[in-house]
């Protein structure tokens, strides 16, 4: 936690898993947590720290008892497995100078944050966080226990508070802030080696099952500086050329706003407030360009990184990762083409059932060798096949002669891991280095399941119902008027038009309609801001898309056939149509 505006608040992106022993007391647990934070966070400052419960009470006893704290006793008290226990650490100075008092708030509307210091009070007396107006509250008085009133030497003081968090499920009656507070920050997982049978391999994302991608991206985007911008000059016929120049430019900073100019727009600009329409279109086109780059290999919907010497010299792997990170945080789409195997490796996911298949290998010789091994029906055929392909298997480090035919599956699995992951270690590491921009890689690691649909190919496609919900209808006439009647009729045309495009799946697609209106061909991790608007236009036969304001103006046609024809013509003849 960190003291901000007089109150303790969690520090995002610093959570770490921690292996513990059940018999550890709070002093041993605190020492281990500080040691790990120092090992993984270079900016972790020295200082006297304390261990806190999620309601900010300093840990000494098990809540509601006089029993000294141990990991085992606390686990039994809260009824959670070790993998679901998380706690906070904070500097002693921040606790002493925070807005907490030793008394309970007398009003639910009171903005004072109240926390109990260790005194044997029951858990029912704990007051949850409540910052309705971000107001500060009275400083902590001198009721702190003696050890807490006397800071340690300067070498152990002034440390930056860091999260050593406890996951708390939001129960009925808890306020929204507290729910978000306990969800947005991924927990440090306490894993006991002495009880491996209890809910093994649970990840931090289990504590954030109700957290959405827009929630996480909103936190990441707080780093963006509106006072500075990075400029891009893009030609739609060669998006990569302008993009790589912009990302390599010395003045480029992922935390700066992006200003995009399409040089093939002949100087035309859209009306209204610029909320990033050209930027969203550029990022959409850029993600499609990345799919076709030499650094990626495999099927179109499950690409993996492959080493290319020229790309390595140009540091293209790093730039690709930074492009994806920038797109996600700046309101653009994710790549949506990474293979599940690569994504699992990037995010550290374990024990998943998704494996690469032989058909993902694009090298004809390697694919034929693996198919030969996989088709062996007897042990003799398997050994003969392994012998014929021994050089290839030895290169991959998986040459072995199993005792049974089923052993071929392990050989194939090991080879696929080598082919997709191990042989491309350099490429993957530089790609991850690029994803560190704006802390995106940490968000992916902590919320892997939340971002999977935006990073990997998703079976979930845009539907007419989704677009109906995305676009907010803006009527320009009074209720009951003849104009309102006309608008209502055209609104029916619009909804039928979306249904037609969803069912036909040929020609104009729903993604084309979204792209025409917002510069995005799919819903991005950040959500679309501002919310897209549907406006009725009476002076044009064709639709008008204003991507800066996320608005589509549809024509007032008298028949559905005329409406469909005019919509198709207008969208298909818009700048950039067919380039994504």
Protein backbone atom coordinates (compact mmCIF):
# COMPACT_ATOMS: atom_id res chain seq x y z
CA UNK A 1 0.00 0.00 0.00
CA UNK A 2 1.00 3.60 -0.53
CA UNK A 3 -0.10 6.72 1.31
CA UNK A 4 -1.94 8.92 -1.17
CA UNK A 5 -3.99 11.98 -0.19
CA UNK A 6 -3.66 10.93 3.41
CA UNK A 7 -5.05 7.45 2.79
CA UNK A 8 -3.49 4.06 2.15
CA UNK A 9 -4.04 2.77 -1.36
CA UNK A 10 -2.68 -0.33 -3.11
CA UNK A 11 0.17 -0.06 -5.61
CA UNK A 12 -0.79 -1.69 -8.88
CA UNK A 13 1.46 -4.15 -10.69
CA UNK A 14 3.66 -5.19 -7.76
CA UNK A 15 2.00 -8.42 -6.64
CA UNK A 16 4.13 -11.55 -6.46
CA UNK A 17 3.53 -15.19 -5.46
CA UNK A 18 5.30 -16.30 -2.29
CA UNK A 19 6.12 -19.77 -1.00
CA UNK A 20 5.64 -20.01 2.77
CA UNK A 21 5.72 -22.48 5.62
CA UNK A 22 2.54 -23.01 7.68
CA UNK A 23 4.32 -22.36 10.98
CA UNK A 24 5.60 -18.92 9.95
CA UNK A 25 4.71 -16.02 12.22
CA UNK A 26 4.10 -12.53 10.89
CA UNK A 27 7.77 -11.54 11.31
CA UNK A 28 8.97 -14.42 9.13
CA UNK A 29 6.25 -13.81 6.56
CA UNK A 30 7.04 -10.09 6.41
CA UNK A 31 10.75 -10.75 5.98
CA UNK A 32 10.12 -13.20 3.11
CA UNK A 33 7.73 -10.78 1.41
CA UNK A 34 10.18 -7.88 1.62
CA UNK A 35 13.00 -10.07 0.31
CA UNK A 36 10.99 -11.10 -2.73
CA UNK A 37 9.78 -7.59 -3.46
CA UNK A 38 13.36 -6.33 -3.36
CA UNK A 39 14.45 -9.11 -5.71
CA UNK A 40 11.79 -8.32 -8.32
CA UNK A 41 11.31 -4.55 -7.91
CA UNK A 42 14.47 -2.50 -8.23
CA UNK A 43 12.75 0.66 -6.99
CA UNK A 44 11.72 -0.97 -3.73
CA UNK A 45 13.11 1.39 -1.09
CA UNK A 46 14.52 0.33 2.22
CA UNK A 47 12.47 1.08 5.30
CA UNK A 48 10.63 -0.34 8.25
CA UNK A 49 7.58 -2.25 7.03
CA UNK A 50 4.54 -3.82 8.65
CA UNK A 51 2.24 -6.60 7.54
CA UNK A 52 -1.42 -5.62 7.11
CA UNK A 53 -4.76 -7.36 6.85
CA UNK A 54 -6.92 -6.17 3.94
CA UNK A 55 -8.77 -3.78 6.27
CA UNK A 56 -5.36 -2.21 7.07
CA UNK A 57 -5.06 -3.59 10.59
CA UNK A 58 -1.48 -4.36 11.53
CA UNK A 59 -0.98 -8.09 11.88
CA UNK A 60 0.04 -9.47 15.26
CA UNK A 61 -2.80 -11.80 16.31
CA UNK A 62 -5.44 -13.85 14.53
CA UNK A 63 -8.44 -11.48 14.15
CA UNK A 64 -10.92 -11.81 16.98
CA UNK A 65 -8.53 -13.73 19.22
CA UNK A 66 -5.41 -13.29 21.32
CA UNK A 67 -3.69 -16.09 19.39
CA UNK A 68 -0.41 -14.96 17.80
CA UNK A 69 -0.52 -14.95 14.00
CA UNK A 70 0.80 -17.90 12.02
CA UNK A 71 0.05 -18.74 8.42
CA UNK A 72 -1.57 -22.05 9.43
CA UNK A 73 -3.81 -20.45 12.08
CA UNK A 74 -4.89 -17.67 9.73
CA UNK A 75 -5.69 -20.19 6.99
CA UNK A 76 -7.93 -22.11 9.36
CA UNK A 77 -9.58 -18.92 10.63
CA UNK A 78 -10.63 -17.66 7.19
CA UNK A 79 -11.31 -21.09 5.69
CA UNK A 80 -9.32 -20.55 2.50
CA UNK A 81 -6.61 -22.70 0.91
CA UNK A 82 -3.09 -21.32 0.94
CA UNK A 83 -3.26 -20.39 -2.74
CA UNK A 84 -6.12 -18.00 -2.03
CA UNK A 85 -4.53 -16.14 0.89
CA UNK A 86 -3.07 -12.71 0.18
CA UNK A 87 -1.91 -9.86 2.37
CA UNK A 88 -0.44 -6.34 2.14
CA UNK A 89 2.84 -4.83 3.23
CA UNK A 90 3.33 -1.14 3.86
CA UNK A 91 5.98 1.13 5.32
CA UNK A 92 5.65 1.92 8.99
CA UNK A 93 5.87 5.63 8.22
CA UNK A 94 2.89 5.43 5.84
CA UNK A 95 0.81 3.59 8.45
CA UNK A 96 1.62 6.11 11.17
CA UNK A 97 0.82 9.07 8.92
CA UNK A 98 -2.25 7.57 7.25
CA UNK A 99 -5.85 8.57 7.78
CA UNK A 100 -6.70 5.57 9.94
CA UNK A 101 -7.89 5.99 13.54
CA UNK A 102 -8.54 3.50 16.28
CA UNK A 103 -12.28 4.09 16.39
CA UNK A 104 -15.19 2.98 14.30
CA UNK A 105 -16.96 5.39 11.98
CA UNK A 106 -20.37 6.37 13.23
CA UNK A 107 -21.90 6.88 9.82
CA UNK A 108 -21.95 4.88 6.62
CA UNK A 109 -21.72 8.11 4.68
CA UNK A 110 -18.66 9.28 6.59
CA UNK A 111 -15.66 9.52 4.29
CA UNK A 112 -13.27 8.72 7.12
CA UNK A 113 -11.56 5.38 6.63
CA UNK A 114 -11.56 3.51 9.91
CA UNK A 115 -9.38 0.50 10.69
CA UNK A 116 -8.75 -1.42 13.88
CA UNK A 117 -5.23 -1.91 15.08
CA UNK A 118 -4.52 -5.33 16.62
CA UNK A 119 -6.43 -5.45 19.88
CA UNK A 120 -8.34 -8.70 19.80
CA UNK A 121 -11.45 -7.14 18.29
CA UNK A 122 -13.71 -9.39 16.33
CA UNK A 123 -13.76 -9.43 12.55
CA UNK A 124 -17.26 -8.03 12.65
CA UNK A 125 -15.81 -4.76 13.93
CA UNK A 126 -13.69 -4.30 10.83
CA UNK A 127 -14.79 -1.33 8.75
CA UNK A 128 -14.24 -1.72 5.02
CA UNK A 129 -12.74 0.90 2.74
CA UNK A 130 -14.96 3.82 1.76
CA UNK A 131 -13.54 6.78 -0.17
CA UNK A 132 -16.59 8.36 -1.79
CA UNK A 133 -14.96 11.73 -2.33
CA UNK A 134 -11.26 10.83 -2.04
CA UNK A 135 -11.15 13.02 1.06
CA UNK A 136 -8.41 12.74 3.60
CA UNK A 137 -9.16 12.00 7.21
CA UNK A 138 -7.60 12.66 10.63
CA UNK A 139 -4.09 11.39 11.22
CA UNK A 140 -3.52 8.33 13.32
CA UNK A 141 -3.17 9.25 16.99
CA UNK A 142 -0.65 7.90 19.42
CA UNK A 143 -2.63 4.76 20.13
CA UNK A 144 -0.13 2.73 18.12
CA UNK A 145 1.62 0.00 20.12
CA UNK A 146 5.09 0.85 21.32
CA UNK A 147 7.05 -0.99 18.60
CA UNK A 148 5.06 0.80 15.94
CA UNK A 149 5.67 4.20 17.49
CA UNK A 150 9.42 3.95 17.17
CA UNK A 151 10.73 3.67 13.60
CA UNK A 152 13.79 1.60 12.90
CA UNK A 153 17.09 3.19 11.79
CA UNK A 154 17.17 5.28 8.63
CA UNK A 155 18.53 2.42 6.57
CA UNK A 156 15.26 0.58 7.15
CA UNK A 157 12.96 3.53 6.76
CA UNK A 158 11.28 5.54 3.96
CA UNK A 159 10.49 2.45 1.91
CA UNK A 160 7.90 2.70 -0.82
CA UNK A 161 4.78 0.81 0.20
CA UNK A 162 4.16 -2.22 -1.91
CA UNK A 163 1.26 -4.59 -2.25
CA UNK A 164 1.33 -7.82 -0.37
CA UNK A 165 -2.34 -8.26 -0.88
CA UNK A 166 -5.16 -10.40 0.36
CA UNK A 167 -7.91 -11.44 -1.97
CA UNK A 168 -11.30 -10.69 -0.46
CA UNK A 169 -14.47 -11.68 -2.24
CA UNK A 170 -16.92 -8.80 -2.36
CA UNK A 171 -19.77 -9.84 -0.15
CA UNK A 172 -23.31 -8.45 -0.24
CA UNK A 173 -23.36 -5.10 1.44
CA UNK A 174 -19.79 -4.16 0.62
CA UNK A 175 -19.49 -0.94 -1.31
CA UNK A 176 -18.40 -0.79 -4.96
CA UNK A 177 -15.08 0.85 -4.16
CA UNK A 178 -14.10 -1.96 -1.84
CA UNK A 179 -15.06 -4.54 -4.44
CA UNK A 180 -12.92 -2.83 -7.07
CA UNK A 181 -10.16 -2.28 -4.53
CA UNK A 182 -9.88 -5.98 -3.82
CA UNK A 183 -10.22 -7.00 -7.47
CA UNK A 184 -8.14 -4.58 -9.55
CA UNK A 185 -4.91 -5.58 -7.88
CA UNK A 186 -3.83 -9.15 -8.43
CA UNK A 187 -2.90 -10.88 -5.20
CA UNK A 188 0.33 -12.28 -3.92
CA UNK A 189 -0.39 -15.98 -3.69
CA UNK A 190 0.76 -17.79 -0.59
CA UNK A 191 1.58 -21.33 -1.60
CA UNK A 192 2.34 -23.88 1.08
CA UNK A 193 4.68 -26.66 0.01
CA UNK A 194 3.40 -28.80 2.84
CA UNK A 195 -0.15 -29.18 1.48
CA UNK A 196 0.14 -29.60 -2.30
CA UNK A 197 -3.16 -31.42 -2.52
CA UNK A 198 -5.20 -28.31 -1.80
CA UNK A 199 -6.36 -26.51 -4.95
CA UNK A 200 -2.98 -26.64 -6.66
CA UNK A 201 -2.03 -24.37 -9.54
CA UNK A 202 -4.55 -21.68 -8.72
CA UNK A 203 -3.56 -18.39 -10.26
CA UNK A 204 -3.89 -14.78 -9.29
CA UNK A 205 -6.57 -14.26 -11.88
CA UNK A 206 -9.00 -16.39 -9.85
CA UNK A 207 -9.37 -13.44 -7.50
CA UNK A 208 -10.31 -11.20 -10.41
CA UNK A 209 -12.98 -13.31 -12.06
CA UNK A 210 -15.36 -10.34 -12.10
CA UNK A 211 -12.75 -7.93 -13.46
CA UNK A 212 -13.14 -6.91 -17.11
CA UNK A 213 -10.54 -5.91 -19.66
CA UNK A 214 -11.76 -2.27 -19.69
CA UNK A 215 -11.21 -2.15 -15.91
CA UNK A 216 -7.60 -3.25 -16.28
CA UNK A 217 -6.90 -1.05 -19.32
CA UNK A 218 -8.35 1.96 -17.50
CA UNK A 219 -5.71 1.47 -14.81
CA UNK A 220 -2.94 1.09 -17.40
CA UNK A 221 -4.04 4.15 -19.35
CA UNK A 222 -3.59 6.34 -16.29
CA UNK A 223 0.08 6.52 -17.30
CA UNK A 224 -0.73 8.32 -20.56
CA UNK A 225 0.37 11.96 -20.55
CA UNK A 226 -2.07 14.25 -22.31
CA UNK A 227 0.49 17.05 -22.46
CA UNK A 228 2.78 15.24 -24.93
CA UNK A 229 2.16 13.38 -28.17
CA UNK A 230 3.94 11.08 -30.59
CA UNK A 231 3.19 11.79 -34.25
CA UNK A 232 2.61 9.23 -37.01
CA UNK A 233 2.26 9.87 -40.74
CA UNK A 234 0.60 6.82 -42.26
CA UNK A 235 -0.22 5.78 -45.80
CA UNK A 236 -2.97 3.17 -45.89
CA UNK A 237 -1.30 1.35 -48.76
CA UNK A 238 1.85 0.78 -46.66
CA UNK A 239 0.93 1.07 -43.00
CA UNK A 240 4.02 -0.75 -41.74
CA UNK A 241 6.45 1.70 -43.32
CA UNK A 242 5.05 4.72 -41.46
CA UNK A 243 4.42 2.74 -38.29
CA UNK A 244 7.95 1.41 -37.84
CA UNK A 245 9.41 4.87 -38.49
CA UNK A 246 7.16 6.31 -35.84
CA UNK A 247 7.92 3.65 -33.23
CA UNK A 248 11.68 3.89 -33.86
CA UNK A 249 11.66 7.68 -33.62
CA UNK A 250 13.74 8.92 -30.67
CA UNK A 251 10.88 11.13 -29.50
CA UNK A 252 8.37 8.25 -29.36
CA UNK A 253 7.12 7.38 -25.90
CA UNK A 254 4.30 4.85 -25.30
CA UNK A 255 3.04 7.04 -22.47
CA UNK A 256 2.50 10.00 -24.81
CA UNK A 257 -0.74 10.60 -26.66
CA UNK A 258 -0.73 9.50 -30.31
CA UNK A 259 -1.51 11.86 -33.19
CA UNK A 260 -2.07 10.08 -36.51
CA UNK A 261 -2.35 11.66 -39.93
CA UNK A 262 -3.22 9.58 -42.98
CA UNK A 263 -1.18 11.13 -45.80
CA UNK A 264 -3.51 9.72 -48.44
CA UNK A 265 -6.54 11.61 -47.08
CA UNK A 266 -5.68 14.65 -49.25
CA UNK A 267 -5.79 16.94 -46.25
CA UNK A 268 -9.43 16.23 -45.44
CA UNK A 269 -10.34 16.13 -41.78
CA UNK A 270 -13.43 14.93 -40.00
CA UNK A 271 -15.74 17.31 -38.20
CA UNK A 272 -16.34 17.21 -34.47
CA UNK A 273 -14.12 16.58 -31.51
CA UNK A 274 -11.07 14.43 -32.23
CA UNK A 275 -11.22 11.59 -29.76
CA UNK A 276 -8.81 9.35 -31.65
CA UNK A 277 -10.62 8.08 -34.74
CA UNK A 278 -7.52 8.11 -36.98
CA UNK A 279 -5.51 6.59 -34.13
CA UNK A 280 -7.96 3.69 -33.71
CA UNK A 281 -8.01 3.07 -37.46
CA UNK A 282 -4.20 3.12 -37.58
CA UNK A 283 -3.91 0.66 -34.69
CA UNK A 284 -6.48 -1.65 -36.30
CA UNK A 285 -4.55 -1.66 -39.59
CA UNK A 286 -1.27 -2.10 -37.70
CA UNK A 287 -2.48 -5.27 -35.94
CA UNK A 288 -3.38 -6.73 -39.34
CA UNK A 289 0.08 -5.81 -40.66
CA UNK A 290 1.71 -7.59 -37.74
CA UNK A 291 -0.12 -10.79 -38.60
CA UNK A 292 1.69 -10.89 -41.95
CA UNK A 293 5.16 -9.95 -40.71
CA UNK A 294 8.13 -12.32 -41.10
CA UNK A 295 8.52 -12.65 -37.34
CA UNK A 296 5.30 -14.69 -37.10
CA UNK A 297 4.73 -18.20 -38.43
CA UNK A 298 1.88 -20.68 -38.37
CA UNK A 299 -1.80 -20.65 -39.37
CA UNK A 300 -3.55 -17.29 -39.71
CA UNK A 301 -5.53 -17.70 -36.51
CA UNK A 302 -2.76 -19.08 -34.25
CA UNK A 303 0.56 -17.48 -35.05
CA UNK A 304 3.75 -18.00 -33.05
CA UNK A 305 7.07 -16.17 -33.11
CA UNK A 306 9.84 -17.56 -35.28
CA UNK A 307 13.44 -16.42 -35.37
CA UNK A 308 14.54 -14.36 -38.36
CA UNK A 309 18.09 -13.03 -38.43
CA UNK A 310 17.26 -9.85 -40.33
CA UNK A 311 14.31 -9.14 -38.02
CA UNK A 312 16.55 -9.69 -34.99
CA UNK A 313 19.07 -7.17 -36.31
CA UNK A 314 16.26 -4.64 -36.78
CA UNK A 315 14.94 -5.48 -33.28
CA UNK A 316 11.55 -6.10 -34.88
CA UNK A 317 10.46 -8.46 -32.10
CA UNK A 318 10.80 -5.70 -29.52
CA UNK A 319 8.93 -3.20 -31.68
CA UNK A 320 6.15 -5.70 -32.36
CA UNK A 321 5.63 -6.24 -28.64
CA UNK A 322 5.61 -2.51 -28.00
CA UNK A 323 3.14 -1.94 -30.82
CA UNK A 324 0.71 -4.44 -29.29
CA UNK A 325 1.13 -2.95 -25.82
CA UNK A 326 0.58 0.55 -27.17
CA UNK A 327 -2.51 -0.51 -29.11
CA UNK A 328 -4.13 -2.14 -26.08
CA UNK A 329 -3.62 0.84 -23.76
CA UNK A 330 -4.39 3.54 -26.33
CA UNK A 331 -7.81 2.15 -27.22
CA UNK A 332 -6.89 -0.04 -30.16
CA UNK A 333 -7.49 -3.77 -30.65
CA UNK A 334 -5.31 -6.65 -29.58
CA UNK A 335 -3.64 -8.86 -32.19
CA UNK A 336 -6.23 -11.69 -31.95
CA UNK A 337 -3.95 -14.10 -33.80
CA UNK A 338 -1.43 -15.43 -31.26
CA UNK A 339 -1.38 -19.18 -30.70
CA UNK A 340 -2.61 -20.45 -27.35
CA UNK A 341 0.76 -22.15 -26.76
CA UNK A 342 2.65 -18.87 -27.21
CA UNK A 343 0.16 -16.94 -25.09
CA UNK A 344 0.41 -19.45 -22.26
CA UNK A 345 4.19 -19.16 -22.32
CA UNK A 346 4.08 -15.34 -22.35
CA UNK A 347 1.69 -15.18 -19.39
CA UNK A 348 3.18 -18.05 -17.37
CA UNK A 349 0.00 -20.14 -17.45
CA UNK A 350 0.48 -23.77 -16.44
CA UNK A 351 -1.37 -27.08 -16.54
CA UNK A 352 -3.62 -26.19 -19.46
CA UNK A 353 -5.03 -28.74 -21.87
CA UNK A 354 -4.37 -26.67 -24.99
CA UNK A 355 -1.50 -28.02 -27.05
CA UNK A 356 -0.08 -27.19 -30.45
CA UNK A 357 -0.95 -29.54 -33.30
CA UNK A 358 1.34 -30.92 -35.97
CA UNK A 359 -0.46 -28.98 -38.69
CA UNK A 360 0.81 -25.74 -37.08
CA UNK A 361 4.31 -26.57 -38.36
CA UNK A 362 4.91 -24.84 -41.68
CA UNK A 363 8.18 -26.60 -42.48
CA UNK A 364 7.20 -29.46 -44.80
CA UNK A 365 10.04 -31.77 -43.80
CA UNK A 366 9.47 -31.42 -40.08
CA UNK A 367 5.72 -31.79 -40.43
CA UNK A 368 6.10 -34.95 -42.52
CA UNK A 369 8.48 -36.46 -39.96
CA UNK A 370 6.09 -35.84 -37.08
CA UNK A 371 3.15 -37.19 -39.06
CA UNK A 372 5.13 -40.32 -39.75
CA UNK A 373 5.89 -40.79 -36.05
CA UNK A 374 2.30 -40.08 -35.01
CA UNK A 375 0.94 -42.64 -37.50
CA UNK A 376 3.07 -45.52 -36.17
CA UNK A 377 0.71 -48.34 -35.16
CA UNK A 378 3.22 -50.74 -33.54
CA UNK A 379 6.28 -50.34 -31.36
CA UNK A 380 8.50 -51.66 -34.16
CA UNK A 381 7.11 -49.06 -36.60
CA UNK A 382 7.58 -46.33 -34.01
CA UNK A 383 11.21 -47.23 -33.34
CA UNK A 384 11.93 -47.44 -37.07
CA UNK A 385 10.33 -44.05 -37.63
CA UNK A 386 12.31 -42.53 -34.74
CA UNK A 387 15.53 -43.97 -36.17
CA UNK A 388 14.85 -42.45 -39.61
CA UNK A 389 14.23 -39.04 -38.03
CA UNK A 390 16.83 -39.30 -35.28
CA UNK A 391 18.84 -36.27 -36.47
CA UNK A 392 15.78 -34.03 -36.33
CA UNK A 393 14.68 -35.36 -32.94
CA UNK A 394 18.19 -35.05 -31.52
CA UNK A 395 18.33 -31.40 -32.61
CA UNK A 396 15.09 -30.80 -30.72
CA UNK A 397 16.39 -32.67 -27.68
CA UNK A 398 13.62 -35.27 -27.69
CA UNK A 399 15.31 -38.34 -29.18
CA UNK A 400 14.15 -41.38 -27.22
CA UNK A 401 12.90 -44.88 -27.86
CA UNK A 402 9.80 -45.39 -25.70
CA UNK A 403 8.72 -48.74 -24.32
CA UNK A 404 5.19 -48.39 -25.69
CA UNK A 405 3.41 -46.96 -28.73
CA UNK A 406 1.77 -44.29 -26.59
CA UNK A 407 5.22 -42.84 -26.00
CA UNK A 408 5.01 -41.19 -29.42
CA UNK A 409 2.65 -38.59 -27.96
CA UNK A 410 5.30 -37.39 -25.51
CA UNK A 411 7.85 -37.15 -28.31
CA UNK A 412 5.51 -35.08 -30.46
CA UNK A 413 4.56 -32.83 -27.55
CA UNK A 414 8.21 -32.20 -26.64
CA UNK A 415 9.09 -31.48 -30.26
CA UNK A 416 6.22 -28.97 -30.58
CA UNK A 417 7.37 -27.19 -27.42
CA UNK A 418 10.86 -26.94 -28.87
CA UNK A 419 9.61 -25.83 -32.28
CA UNK A 420 7.32 -23.07 -30.98
CA UNK A 421 9.00 -21.99 -27.74
CA UNK A 422 12.54 -23.13 -26.99
CA UNK A 423 14.19 -22.59 -30.37
CA UNK A 424 12.72 -19.08 -30.47
CA UNK A 425 13.81 -18.02 -26.99
CA UNK A 426 15.55 -14.84 -28.12
CA UNK A 427 12.60 -13.73 -30.23
CA UNK A 428 10.12 -14.38 -27.43
CA UNK A 429 12.22 -12.56 -24.83
CA UNK A 430 12.55 -9.44 -26.97
CA UNK A 431 8.83 -9.60 -27.71
CA UNK A 432 8.13 -9.69 -23.96
CA UNK A 433 10.51 -6.77 -23.47
CA UNK A 434 8.35 -4.78 -25.88
CA UNK A 435 5.18 -5.82 -24.06
CA UNK A 436 6.59 -4.27 -20.89
CA UNK A 437 5.60 -0.87 -22.29
CA UNK A 438 2.95 0.66 -20.01
CA UNK A 439 3.10 -2.48 -17.82
CA UNK A 440 1.03 -4.50 -20.29
CA UNK A 441 3.01 -7.72 -19.81
CA UNK A 442 2.26 -7.64 -16.07
CA UNK A 443 -1.43 -7.11 -16.77
CA UNK A 444 -1.39 -10.11 -19.11
CA UNK A 445 0.34 -12.26 -16.51
CA UNK A 446 -2.08 -11.27 -13.75
CA UNK A 447 -5.26 -11.37 -15.87
CA UNK A 448 -4.42 -13.92 -18.55
CA UNK A 449 -7.96 -15.23 -19.01
CA UNK A 450 -9.38 -11.71 -19.22
CA UNK A 451 -7.15 -10.78 -22.16
CA UNK A 452 -7.05 -14.15 -23.94
CA UNK A 453 -9.86 -13.27 -26.36
CA UNK A 454 -8.02 -10.08 -27.39
CA UNK A 455 -4.64 -11.74 -27.88
CA UNK A 456 -5.61 -15.11 -29.39
CA UNK A 457 -8.09 -15.96 -32.10
CA UNK A 458 -11.58 -15.88 -30.63
CA UNK A 459 -14.57 -17.87 -31.77
CA UNK A 460 -16.78 -15.05 -30.50
CA UNK A 461 -17.67 -12.83 -33.43
CA UNK A 462 -19.56 -9.59 -33.73
CA UNK A 463 -23.32 -10.06 -33.83
CA UNK A 464 -26.17 -7.80 -34.85
CA UNK A 465 -27.35 -7.75 -31.24
CA UNK A 466 -23.89 -6.59 -30.11
CA UNK A 467 -23.84 -3.70 -32.57
CA UNK A 468 -27.39 -2.72 -31.65
CA UNK A 469 -26.25 -2.46 -28.06
CA UNK A 470 -23.00 -0.67 -28.92
CA UNK A 471 -24.67 2.16 -30.85
CA UNK A 472 -26.80 4.61 -28.88
CA UNK A 473 -29.70 5.96 -30.97
CA UNK A 474 -29.95 9.75 -31.10
CA UNK A 475 -33.35 11.04 -32.28
CA UNK A 476 -33.49 14.55 -33.76
CA UNK A 477 -37.23 15.03 -33.49
CA UNK A 478 -40.01 15.35 -30.94
CA UNK A 479 -41.95 12.31 -29.84
CA UNK A 480 -45.18 11.88 -31.77
CA UNK A 481 -44.06 14.04 -34.69
CA UNK A 482 -44.05 12.86 -38.29
CA UNK A 483 -40.25 13.08 -38.32
CA UNK A 484 -40.03 10.79 -35.32
CA UNK A 485 -42.26 8.33 -37.19
CA UNK A 486 -39.84 8.42 -40.15
CA UNK A 487 -36.85 7.92 -37.88
CA UNK A 488 -38.54 4.96 -36.20
CA UNK A 489 -39.12 3.38 -39.60
CA UNK A 490 -35.47 3.87 -40.64
CA UNK A 491 -34.35 2.48 -37.27
CA UNK A 492 -36.13 -0.74 -38.23
CA UNK A 493 -34.24 -0.69 -41.54
CA UNK A 494 -30.96 -0.35 -39.61
CA UNK A 495 -31.69 -3.32 -37.39
CA UNK A 496 -32.74 -5.49 -40.34
CA UNK A 497 -29.59 -4.34 -42.17
CA UNK A 498 -27.43 -5.63 -39.30
CA UNK A 499 -29.30 -8.95 -39.30
CA UNK A 500 -28.79 -9.31 -43.06
CA UNK A 501 -25.03 -8.75 -42.77
CA UNK A 502 -24.78 -11.21 -39.90
CA UNK A 503 -26.61 -13.97 -41.75
CA UNK A 504 -25.08 -13.57 -45.21
CA UNK A 505 -21.45 -13.46 -44.01
CA UNK A 506 -20.41 -12.39 -47.50
CA UNK A 507 -19.76 -8.99 -49.01
CA UNK A 508 -20.11 -6.29 -46.38
CA UNK A 509 -19.55 -7.55 -42.81
CA UNK A 510 -20.54 -6.26 -39.40
CA UNK A 511 -16.85 -5.52 -38.78
CA UNK A 512 -16.90 -3.22 -41.82
CA UNK A 513 -19.79 -1.25 -40.33
CA UNK A 514 -17.98 -0.87 -37.01
CA UNK A 515 -14.76 0.14 -38.79
CA UNK A 516 -16.62 2.75 -40.85
CA UNK A 517 -18.03 4.31 -37.69
CA UNK A 518 -15.23 4.02 -35.14
CA UNK A 519 -11.98 3.02 -36.88
CA UNK A 520 -12.15 -0.39 -35.16
CA UNK A 521 -13.13 -3.67 -36.77
CA UNK A 522 -13.65 -5.40 -33.44
CA UNK A 523 -14.38 -4.46 -29.85
CA UNK A 524 -11.06 -3.49 -28.18
CA UNK A 525 -9.90 -4.43 -24.67
CA UNK A 526 -10.48 -0.86 -23.49
CA UNK A 527 -14.04 -0.65 -24.79
CA UNK A 528 -15.04 2.14 -27.20
CA UNK A 529 -14.99 5.65 -25.78
CA UNK A 530 -17.00 7.75 -26.28
CA UNK A 531 -19.93 5.44 -26.85
CA UNK A 532 -20.79 5.13 -30.57
CA UNK A 533 -23.81 7.12 -31.69
CA UNK A 534 -26.44 6.39 -34.36
CA UNK A 535 -27.75 9.61 -35.93
CA UNK A 536 -30.40 10.12 -38.61
CA UNK A 537 -29.18 12.19 -41.57
CA UNK A 538 -31.72 13.86 -43.88
CA UNK A 539 -29.52 15.60 -46.45
CA UNK A 540 -27.34 12.73 -47.72
CA UNK A 541 -28.26 9.60 -49.65
CA UNK A 542 -25.32 7.73 -48.16
CA UNK A 543 -24.10 7.03 -44.63
CA UNK A 544 -21.49 9.28 -43.04
CA UNK A 545 -18.95 7.86 -40.61
CA UNK A 546 -17.24 10.17 -38.13
CA UNK A 547 -14.58 8.07 -36.43
CA UNK A 548 -13.37 10.95 -34.27
CA UNK A 549 -16.72 11.06 -32.47
CA UNK A 550 -17.62 7.38 -33.07
CA UNK A 551 -20.75 8.36 -34.99
CA UNK A 552 -22.57 6.88 -37.95
CA UNK A 553 -25.19 9.00 -39.71
CA UNK A 554 -27.62 6.83 -41.63
CA UNK A 555 -29.72 8.06 -44.57
CA UNK A 556 -33.48 8.59 -44.35
CA UNK A 557 -34.59 6.13 -47.06
CA UNK A 558 -38.22 5.41 -47.89
CA UNK A 559 -37.74 1.67 -48.53
CA UNK A 560 -35.47 -0.99 -47.08
CA UNK A 561 -34.04 -1.89 -50.50
CA UNK A 562 -32.98 1.72 -51.06
CA UNK A 563 -31.55 1.91 -47.53
CA UNK A 564 -29.47 -1.26 -48.00
CA UNK A 565 -28.15 -0.17 -51.39
CA UNK A 566 -27.11 3.27 -50.13
CA UNK A 567 -25.48 1.87 -46.99
CA UNK A 568 -23.47 -0.69 -48.96
CA UNK A 569 -22.29 1.87 -51.51
CA UNK A 570 -21.30 4.46 -48.90
CA UNK A 571 -19.33 2.07 -46.69
CA UNK A 572 -17.63 0.18 -49.53
CA UNK A 573 -16.40 3.42 -51.09
CA UNK A 574 -15.03 4.92 -47.88
CA UNK A 575 -11.24 5.54 -47.51
CA UNK A 576 -9.37 2.45 -46.45
CA UNK A 577 -12.20 -0.02 -47.11
CA UNK A 578 -10.85 -3.52 -47.75
CA UNK A 579 -7.40 -2.84 -46.24
CA UNK A 580 -8.06 -4.79 -43.03
